PDB file of all heavy atoms in Angstrom:
ATOM      1  N   PRO A   1       0.834  -1.197   0.000  1.00  0.00           N
ATOM      2  CA  PRO A   1       0.000   0.000   0.000  1.00  0.00           C
ATOM      3  C   PRO A   1       0.875   1.255   0.000  1.00  0.00           C
ATOM      4  O   PRO A   1       1.981   1.264   0.531  1.00  0.00           O
ATOM      5  CB  PRO A   1      -0.790  -0.113   1.304  1.00  0.00           C
ATOM      6  CG  PRO A   1       0.025  -1.006   2.171  1.00  0.00           C
ATOM      7  CD  PRO A   1       0.744  -1.937   1.242  1.00  0.00           C
ATOM      8  N   SER A   2       0.373   2.296  -0.624  1.00  0.00           N
ATOM      9  CA  SER A   2       1.135   3.544  -0.639  1.00  0.00           C
ATOM     10  C   SER A   2       1.167   4.116   0.768  1.00  0.00           C
ATOM     11  O   SER A   2       0.171   4.104   1.491  1.00  0.00           O
ATOM     12  CB  SER A   2       0.507   4.542  -1.604  1.00  0.00           C
ATOM     13  OG  SER A   2      -0.806   4.843  -1.191  1.00  0.00           O
ATOM     14  N   ARG A   3       2.315   4.566   1.151  1.00  0.00           N
ATOM     15  CA  ARG A   3       2.493   5.063   2.514  1.00  0.00           C
ATOM     16  C   ARG A   3       2.500   6.576   2.515  1.00  0.00           C
ATOM     17  O   ARG A   3       3.090   7.213   1.654  1.00  0.00           O
ATOM     18  CB  ARG A   3       3.784   4.531   3.096  1.00  0.00           C
ATOM     19  CG  ARG A   3       3.747   3.026   3.215  1.00  0.00           C
ATOM     20  CD  ARG A   3       4.958   2.504   3.895  1.00  0.00           C
ATOM     21  NE  ARG A   3       4.864   1.051   3.971  1.00  0.00           N
ATOM     22  CZ  ARG A   3       5.855   0.276   4.282  1.00  0.00           C
ATOM     23  NH1 ARG A   3       7.029   0.791   4.540  1.00  0.00           N
ATOM     24  NH2 ARG A   3       5.693  -1.024   4.345  1.00  0.00           N
ATOM     25  N   ASP A   4       1.848   7.101   3.503  1.00  0.00           N
ATOM     26  CA  ASP A   4       1.802   8.541   3.692  1.00  0.00           C
ATOM     27  C   ASP A   4       2.462   8.846   5.038  1.00  0.00           C
ATOM     28  O   ASP A   4       1.797   8.844   6.074  1.00  0.00           O
ATOM     29  CB  ASP A   4       0.354   9.031   3.678  1.00  0.00           C
ATOM     30  CG  ASP A   4       0.250  10.545   3.724  1.00  0.00           C
ATOM     31  OD1 ASP A   4       1.238  11.223   3.380  1.00  0.00           O
ATOM     32  OD2 ASP A   4      -0.821  11.043   4.120  1.00  0.00           O
ATOM     33  N   PRO A   5       3.786   9.053   5.060  1.00  0.00           N
ATOM     34  CA  PRO A   5       4.467   9.238   6.338  1.00  0.00           C
ATOM     35  C   PRO A   5       4.024  10.522   7.031  1.00  0.00           C
ATOM     36  O   PRO A   5       3.887  11.575   6.414  1.00  0.00           O
ATOM     37  CB  PRO A   5       5.947   9.305   5.964  1.00  0.00           C
ATOM     38  CG  PRO A   5       5.972   9.675   4.526  1.00  0.00           C
ATOM     39  CD  PRO A   5       4.700   9.158   3.924  1.00  0.00           C
ATOM     40  N   GLN A   6       3.773  10.382   8.311  1.00  0.00           N
ATOM     41  CA  GLN A   6       3.367  11.518   9.134  1.00  0.00           C
ATOM     42  C   GLN A   6       4.546  11.897  10.037  1.00  0.00           C
ATOM     43  O   GLN A   6       5.238  11.025  10.557  1.00  0.00           O
ATOM     44  CB  GLN A   6       2.166  11.145  10.003  1.00  0.00           C
ATOM     45  CG  GLN A   6       0.958  10.690   9.215  1.00  0.00           C
ATOM     46  CD  GLN A   6       0.347  11.828   8.411  1.00  0.00           C
ATOM     47  OE1 GLN A   6       0.414  12.974   8.804  1.00  0.00           O
ATOM     48  NE2 GLN A   6      -0.208  11.490   7.259  1.00  0.00           N
ATOM     49  N   PRO A   7       4.776  13.183  10.235  1.00  0.00           N
ATOM     50  CA  PRO A   7       5.864  13.577  11.134  1.00  0.00           C
ATOM     51  C   PRO A   7       5.516  13.210  12.575  1.00  0.00           C
ATOM     52  O   PRO A   7       4.345  13.185  12.958  1.00  0.00           O
ATOM     53  CB  PRO A   7       5.950  15.095  10.955  1.00  0.00           C
ATOM     54  CG  PRO A   7       4.616  15.486  10.436  1.00  0.00           C
ATOM     55  CD  PRO A   7       4.101  14.325   9.648  1.00  0.00           C
ATOM     56  N   LEU A   8       6.561  12.860  13.352  1.00  0.00           N
ATOM     57  CA  LEU A   8       6.349  12.524  14.750  1.00  0.00           C
ATOM     58  C   LEU A   8       5.930  13.764  15.528  1.00  0.00           C
ATOM     59  O   LEU A   8       6.483  14.849  15.348  1.00  0.00           O
ATOM     60  CB  LEU A   8       7.623  11.939  15.354  1.00  0.00           C
ATOM     61  CG  LEU A   8       8.065  10.591  14.786  1.00  0.00           C
ATOM     62  CD1 LEU A   8       9.399  10.194  15.401  1.00  0.00           C
ATOM     63  CD2 LEU A   8       7.015   9.548  15.054  1.00  0.00           C
ATOM     64  N   VAL A   9       4.970  13.577  16.395  1.00  0.00           N
ATOM     65  CA  VAL A   9       4.474  14.686  17.204  1.00  0.00           C
ATOM     66  C   VAL A   9       5.321  14.771  18.464  1.00  0.00           C
ATOM     67  O   VAL A   9       5.483  13.790  19.186  1.00  0.00           O
ATOM     68  CB  VAL A   9       2.988  14.459  17.568  1.00  0.00           C
ATOM     69  CG1 VAL A   9       2.485  15.588  18.439  1.00  0.00           C
ATOM     70  CG2 VAL A   9       2.156  14.322  16.316  1.00  0.00           C
ATOM     71  N   THR A  10       5.880  15.941  18.738  1.00  0.00           N
ATOM     72  CA  THR A  10       6.653  16.130  19.955  1.00  0.00           C
ATOM     73  C   THR A  10       5.730  16.676  21.041  1.00  0.00           C
ATOM     74  O   THR A  10       4.887  17.542  20.772  1.00  0.00           O
ATOM     75  CB  THR A  10       7.813  17.120  19.726  1.00  0.00           C
ATOM     76  OG1 THR A  10       7.277  18.334  19.221  1.00  0.00           O
ATOM     77  CG2 THR A  10       8.799  16.556  18.726  1.00  0.00           C
ATOM     78  N   PRO A  11       5.861  16.149  22.261  1.00  0.00           N
ATOM     79  CA  PRO A  11       5.001  16.642  23.348  1.00  0.00           C
ATOM     80  C   PRO A  11       5.276  18.106  23.658  1.00  0.00           C
ATOM     81  O   PRO A  11       6.371  18.626  23.437  1.00  0.00           O
ATOM     82  CB  PRO A  11       5.378  15.751  24.531  1.00  0.00           C
ATOM     83  CG  PRO A  11       6.204  14.646  23.984  1.00  0.00           C
ATOM     84  CD  PRO A  11       6.723  15.072  22.668  1.00  0.00           C
ATOM     85  N   LYS A  12       4.269  18.783  24.181  1.00  0.00           N
ATOM     86  CA  LYS A  12       4.389  20.213  24.507  1.00  0.00           C
ATOM     87  C   LYS A  12       5.093  20.464  25.834  1.00  0.00           C
ATOM     88  O   LYS A  12       5.626  21.542  26.060  1.00  0.00           O
ATOM     89  CB  LYS A  12       3.007  20.863  24.540  1.00  0.00           C
ATOM     90  CG  LYS A  12       2.252  20.726  23.237  1.00  0.00           C
ATOM     91  CD  LYS A  12       2.943  21.493  22.139  1.00  0.00           C
ATOM     92  CE  LYS A  12       2.117  21.378  20.862  1.00  0.00           C
ATOM     93  NZ  LYS A  12       2.859  21.712  19.682  1.00  0.00           N
ATOM     94  N   LYS A  13       5.049  19.481  26.751  1.00  0.00           N
ATOM     95  CA  LYS A  13       5.738  19.631  28.033  1.00  0.00           C
ATOM     96  C   LYS A  13       6.186  18.265  28.529  1.00  0.00           C
ATOM     97  O   LYS A  13       5.839  17.238  27.948  1.00  0.00           O
ATOM     98  CB  LYS A  13       4.862  20.329  29.063  1.00  0.00           C
ATOM     99  CG  LYS A  13       3.584  19.620  29.397  1.00  0.00           C
ATOM    100  CD  LYS A  13       2.785  20.409  30.407  1.00  0.00           C
ATOM    101  CE  LYS A  13       1.549  19.614  30.822  1.00  0.00           C
ATOM    102  NZ  LYS A  13       0.850  20.266  31.896  1.00  0.00           N
ATOM    103  N   ALA A  14       6.954  18.254  29.601  1.00  0.00           N
ATOM    104  CA  ALA A  14       7.529  17.021  30.125  1.00  0.00           C
ATOM    105  C   ALA A  14       6.458  16.120  30.749  1.00  0.00           C
ATOM    106  O   ALA A  14       5.377  16.576  31.139  1.00  0.00           O
ATOM    107  CB  ALA A  14       8.596  17.351  31.164  1.00  0.00           C
ATOM    108  N   ASN A  15       6.753  14.829  30.823  1.00  0.00           N
ATOM    109  CA  ASN A  15       5.928  13.795  31.452  1.00  0.00           C
ATOM    110  C   ASN A  15       4.585  13.571  30.752  1.00  0.00           C
ATOM    111  O   ASN A  15       3.632  13.113  31.366  1.00  0.00           O
ATOM    112  CB  ASN A  15       5.692  14.091  32.940  1.00  0.00           C
ATOM    113  CG  ASN A  15       6.963  13.956  33.736  1.00  0.00           C
ATOM    114  OD1 ASN A  15       7.802  13.126  33.429  1.00  0.00           O
ATOM    115  ND2 ASN A  15       7.113  14.788  34.752  1.00  0.00           N
ATOM    116  N   ILE A  16       4.476  13.890  29.493  1.00  0.00           N
ATOM    117  CA  ILE A  16       3.269  13.571  28.724  1.00  0.00           C
ATOM    118  C   ILE A  16       3.446  12.233  28.019  1.00  0.00           C
ATOM    119  O   ILE A  16       2.536  11.417  27.986  1.00  0.00           O
ATOM    120  CB  ILE A  16       2.947  14.695  27.718  1.00  0.00           C
ATOM    121  CG1 ILE A  16       2.516  15.941  28.466  1.00  0.00           C
ATOM    122  CG2 ILE A  16       1.881  14.255  26.748  1.00  0.00           C
ATOM    123  CD1 ILE A  16       2.168  17.098  27.586  1.00  0.00           C
ATOM    124  N   SER A  17       4.631  11.995  27.473  1.00  0.00           N
ATOM    125  CA  SER A  17       4.881  10.777  26.707  1.00  0.00           C
ATOM    126  C   SER A  17       6.247  10.216  27.085  1.00  0.00           C
ATOM    127  O   SER A  17       7.237  10.944  27.095  1.00  0.00           O
ATOM    128  CB  SER A  17       4.827  11.091  25.215  1.00  0.00           C
ATOM    129  OG  SER A  17       5.186   9.982  24.469  1.00  0.00           O
ATOM    130  N   TRP A  18       6.268   8.900  27.389  1.00  0.00           N
ATOM    131  CA  TRP A  18       7.510   8.220  27.720  1.00  0.00           C
ATOM    132  C   TRP A  18       7.765   7.115  26.709  1.00  0.00           C
ATOM    133  O   TRP A  18       6.846   6.613  26.072  1.00  0.00           O
ATOM    134  CB  TRP A  18       7.456   7.599  29.109  1.00  0.00           C
ATOM    135  CG  TRP A  18       7.381   8.578  30.245  1.00  0.00           C
ATOM    136  CD1 TRP A  18       7.474   9.923  30.174  1.00  0.00           C
ATOM    137  CD2 TRP A  18       7.189   8.243  31.610  1.00  0.00           C
ATOM    138  NE1 TRP A  18       7.356  10.465  31.412  1.00  0.00           N
ATOM    139  CE2 TRP A  18       7.174   9.463  32.327  1.00  0.00           C
ATOM    140  CE3 TRP A  18       7.028   7.073  32.296  1.00  0.00           C
ATOM    141  CZ2 TRP A  18       7.019   9.511  33.699  1.00  0.00           C
ATOM    142  CZ3 TRP A  18       6.873   7.121  33.670  1.00  0.00           C
ATOM    143  CH2 TRP A  18       6.866   8.324  34.358  1.00  0.00           C
ATOM    144  N   SER A  19       9.016   6.727  26.580  1.00  0.00           N
ATOM    145  CA  SER A  19       9.398   5.625  25.704  1.00  0.00           C
ATOM    146  C   SER A  19      10.197   4.600  26.496  1.00  0.00           C
ATOM    147  O   SER A  19      10.990   4.961  27.364  1.00  0.00           O
ATOM    148  CB  SER A  19      10.251   6.121  24.544  1.00  0.00           C
ATOM    149  OG  SER A  19       9.532   7.008  23.745  1.00  0.00           O
ATOM    150  N   LEU A  20       9.980   3.325  26.167  1.00  0.00           N
ATOM    151  CA  LEU A  20      10.736   2.228  26.775  1.00  0.00           C
ATOM    152  C   LEU A  20      11.672   1.642  25.727  1.00  0.00           C
ATOM    153  O   LEU A  20      11.309   1.528  24.560  1.00  0.00           O
ATOM    154  CB  LEU A  20       9.801   1.122  27.256  1.00  0.00           C
ATOM    155  CG  LEU A  20       8.805   1.467  28.337  1.00  0.00           C
ATOM    156  CD1 LEU A  20       7.841   0.314  28.539  1.00  0.00           C
ATOM    157  CD2 LEU A  20       9.521   1.768  29.629  1.00  0.00           C
ATOM    158  N   ASP A  21      12.842   1.245  26.158  1.00  0.00           N
ATOM    159  CA  ASP A  21      13.797   0.649  25.234  1.00  0.00           C
ATOM    160  C   ASP A  21      14.634  -0.374  25.989  1.00  0.00           C
ATOM    161  O   ASP A  21      15.040  -0.138  27.126  1.00  0.00           O
ATOM    162  CB  ASP A  21      14.696   1.730  24.643  1.00  0.00           C
ATOM    163  CG  ASP A  21      15.617   1.188  23.571  1.00  0.00           C
ATOM    164  OD1 ASP A  21      15.251   0.171  22.950  1.00  0.00           O
ATOM    165  OD2 ASP A  21      16.682   1.776  23.351  1.00  0.00           O
ATOM    166  N   PHE A  22      14.863  -1.517  25.360  1.00  0.00           N
ATOM    167  CA  PHE A  22      15.743  -2.539  25.905  1.00  0.00           C
ATOM    168  C   PHE A  22      17.052  -2.510  25.140  1.00  0.00           C
ATOM    169  O   PHE A  22      17.071  -2.354  23.932  1.00  0.00           O
ATOM    170  CB  PHE A  22      15.123  -3.939  25.756  1.00  0.00           C
ATOM    171  CG  PHE A  22      13.976  -4.189  26.685  1.00  0.00           C
ATOM    172  CD1 PHE A  22      12.686  -4.058  26.246  1.00  0.00           C
ATOM    173  CD2 PHE A  22      14.200  -4.568  27.997  1.00  0.00           C
ATOM    174  CE1 PHE A  22      11.627  -4.304  27.083  1.00  0.00           C
ATOM    175  CE2 PHE A  22      13.149  -4.815  28.848  1.00  0.00           C
ATOM    176  CZ  PHE A  22      11.859  -4.677  28.392  1.00  0.00           C
ATOM    177  N   MET A  23      18.134  -2.694  25.875  1.00  0.00           N
ATOM    178  CA  MET A  23      19.449  -2.835  25.265  1.00  0.00           C
ATOM    179  C   MET A  23      20.124  -4.033  25.919  1.00  0.00           C
ATOM    180  O   MET A  23      19.833  -4.349  27.072  1.00  0.00           O
ATOM    181  CB  MET A  23      20.292  -1.575  25.470  1.00  0.00           C
ATOM    182  CG  MET A  23      19.768  -0.354  24.759  1.00  0.00           C
ATOM    183  SD  MET A  23      20.684   1.143  25.128  1.00  0.00           S
ATOM    184  CE  MET A  23      22.275   0.750  24.497  1.00  0.00           C
ATOM    185  N   SER A  24      21.003  -4.686  25.183  1.00  0.00           N
ATOM    186  CA  SER A  24      21.715  -5.827  25.766  1.00  0.00           C
ATOM    187  C   SER A  24      23.178  -5.765  25.360  1.00  0.00           C
ATOM    188  O   SER A  24      23.544  -5.199  24.330  1.00  0.00           O
ATOM    189  CB  SER A  24      21.088  -7.142  25.309  1.00  0.00           C
ATOM    190  OG  SER A  24      21.262  -7.303  23.931  1.00  0.00           O
ATOM    191  N   ASP A  25      23.997  -6.354  26.196  1.00  0.00           N
ATOM    192  CA  ASP A  25      25.426  -6.427  25.955  1.00  0.00           C
ATOM    193  C   ASP A  25      25.949  -7.629  26.718  1.00  0.00           C
ATOM    194  O   ASP A  25      25.213  -8.275  27.462  1.00  0.00           O
ATOM    195  CB  ASP A  25      26.110  -5.136  26.401  1.00  0.00           C
ATOM    196  CG  ASP A  25      27.455  -4.924  25.709  1.00  0.00           C
ATOM    197  OD1 ASP A  25      27.854  -5.795  24.908  1.00  0.00           O
ATOM    198  OD2 ASP A  25      28.105  -3.899  25.968  1.00  0.00           O
ATOM    199  N   SER A  26      27.215  -7.931  26.553  1.00  0.00           N
ATOM    200  CA  SER A  26      27.793  -9.065  27.273  1.00  0.00           C
ATOM    201  C   SER A  26      29.055  -8.621  27.997  1.00  0.00           C
ATOM    202  O   SER A  26      29.763  -7.713  27.568  1.00  0.00           O
ATOM    203  CB  SER A  26      28.107 -10.213  26.314  1.00  0.00           C
ATOM    204  OG  SER A  26      29.046  -9.805  25.365  1.00  0.00           O
ATOM    205  N   LEU A  27      29.305  -9.295  29.102  1.00  0.00           N
ATOM    206  CA  LEU A  27      30.498  -9.023  29.890  1.00  0.00           C
ATOM    207  C   LEU A  27      31.689  -9.762  29.291  1.00  0.00           C
ATOM    208  O   LEU A  27      31.556 -10.555  28.351  1.00  0.00           O
ATOM    209  CB  LEU A  27      30.269  -9.469  31.332  1.00  0.00           C
ATOM    210  CG  LEU A  27      29.104  -8.777  32.054  1.00  0.00           C
ATOM    211  CD1 LEU A  27      28.880  -9.439  33.410  1.00  0.00           C
ATOM    212  CD2 LEU A  27      29.391  -7.306  32.219  1.00  0.00           C
ATOM    213  N   GLU A  28      32.859  -9.523  29.845  1.00  0.00           N
ATOM    214  CA  GLU A  28      34.070 -10.151  29.328  1.00  0.00           C
ATOM    215  C   GLU A  28      34.043 -11.665  29.496  1.00  0.00           C
ATOM    216  O   GLU A  28      34.581 -12.405  28.671  1.00  0.00           O
ATOM    217  CB  GLU A  28      35.294  -9.568  30.043  1.00  0.00           C
ATOM    218  CG  GLU A  28      36.610 -10.009  29.450  1.00  0.00           C
ATOM    219  CD  GLU A  28      37.762  -9.298  30.097  1.00  0.00           C
ATOM    220  OE1 GLU A  28      37.703  -8.085  30.279  1.00  0.00           O
ATOM    221  OE2 GLU A  28      38.743 -10.004  30.416  1.00  0.00           O
ATOM    222  N   ASP A  29      33.373 -12.137  30.548  1.00  0.00           N
ATOM    223  CA  ASP A  29      33.312 -13.581  30.780  1.00  0.00           C
ATOM    224  C   ASP A  29      32.189 -14.260  29.997  1.00  0.00           C
ATOM    225  O   ASP A  29      31.976 -15.463  30.123  1.00  0.00           O
ATOM    226  CB  ASP A  29      33.176 -13.888  32.269  1.00  0.00           C
ATOM    227  CG  ASP A  29      31.924 -13.293  32.884  1.00  0.00           C
ATOM    228  OD1 ASP A  29      31.151 -12.643  32.149  1.00  0.00           O
ATOM    229  OD2 ASP A  29      31.706 -13.491  34.089  1.00  0.00           O
ATOM    230  N   GLY A  30      31.459 -13.518  29.165  1.00  0.00           N
ATOM    231  CA  GLY A  30      30.442 -14.105  28.297  1.00  0.00           C
ATOM    232  C   GLY A  30      29.023 -13.970  28.805  1.00  0.00           C
ATOM    233  O   GLY A  30      28.079 -14.268  28.073  1.00  0.00           O
ATOM    234  N   ARG A  31      28.833 -13.578  30.052  1.00  0.00           N
ATOM    235  CA  ARG A  31      27.473 -13.417  30.573  1.00  0.00           C
ATOM    236  C   ARG A  31      26.832 -12.179  29.934  1.00  0.00           C
ATOM    237  O   ARG A  31      27.489 -11.162  29.733  1.00  0.00           O
ATOM    238  CB  ARG A  31      27.484 -13.257  32.092  1.00  0.00           C
ATOM    239  CG  ARG A  31      27.925 -14.507  32.820  1.00  0.00           C
ATOM    240  CD  ARG A  31      27.833 -14.335  34.312  1.00  0.00           C
ATOM    241  NE  ARG A  31      28.703 -13.238  34.728  1.00  0.00           N
ATOM    242  CZ  ARG A  31      28.539 -12.531  35.848  1.00  0.00           C
ATOM    243  NH1 ARG A  31      27.561 -12.814  36.660  1.00  0.00           N
ATOM    244  NH2 ARG A  31      29.374 -11.568  36.155  1.00  0.00           N
ATOM    245  N   THR A  32      25.549 -12.301  29.621  1.00  0.00           N
ATOM    246  CA  THR A  32      24.842 -11.172  29.009  1.00  0.00           C
ATOM    247  C   THR A  32      24.022 -10.446  30.062  1.00  0.00           C
ATOM    248  O   THR A  32      23.579 -11.045  31.049  1.00  0.00           O
ATOM    249  CB  THR A  32      23.914 -11.650  27.886  1.00  0.00           C
ATOM    250  OG1 THR A  32      22.958 -12.551  28.430  1.00  0.00           O
ATOM    251  CG2 THR A  32      24.692 -12.332  26.779  1.00  0.00           C
ATOM    252  N   PHE A  33      23.838  -9.165  29.846  1.00  0.00           N
ATOM    253  CA  PHE A  33      22.965  -8.379  30.707  1.00  0.00           C
ATOM    254  C   PHE A  33      22.116  -7.478  29.834  1.00  0.00           C
ATOM    255  O   PHE A  33      22.449  -7.197  28.683  1.00  0.00           O
ATOM    256  CB  PHE A  33      23.764  -7.567  31.734  1.00  0.00           C
ATOM    257  CG  PHE A  33      24.627  -6.500  31.136  1.00  0.00           C
ATOM    258  CD1 PHE A  33      24.161  -5.205  31.005  1.00  0.00           C
ATOM    259  CD2 PHE A  33      25.909  -6.780  30.708  1.00  0.00           C
ATOM    260  CE1 PHE A  33      24.953  -4.214  30.454  1.00  0.00           C
ATOM    261  CE2 PHE A  33      26.704  -5.800  30.162  1.00  0.00           C
ATOM    262  CZ  PHE A  33      26.237  -4.520  30.025  1.00  0.00           C
TER     263      PHE A  33
END
């Protein structure tokens, strides 16, 4: 389908919209966190 990209809306003040993100990495001994 043809896409109509919309610009992201930025909140007007703090604490209106939050985002969650996961990141992962590994230690020198191979364990991941």
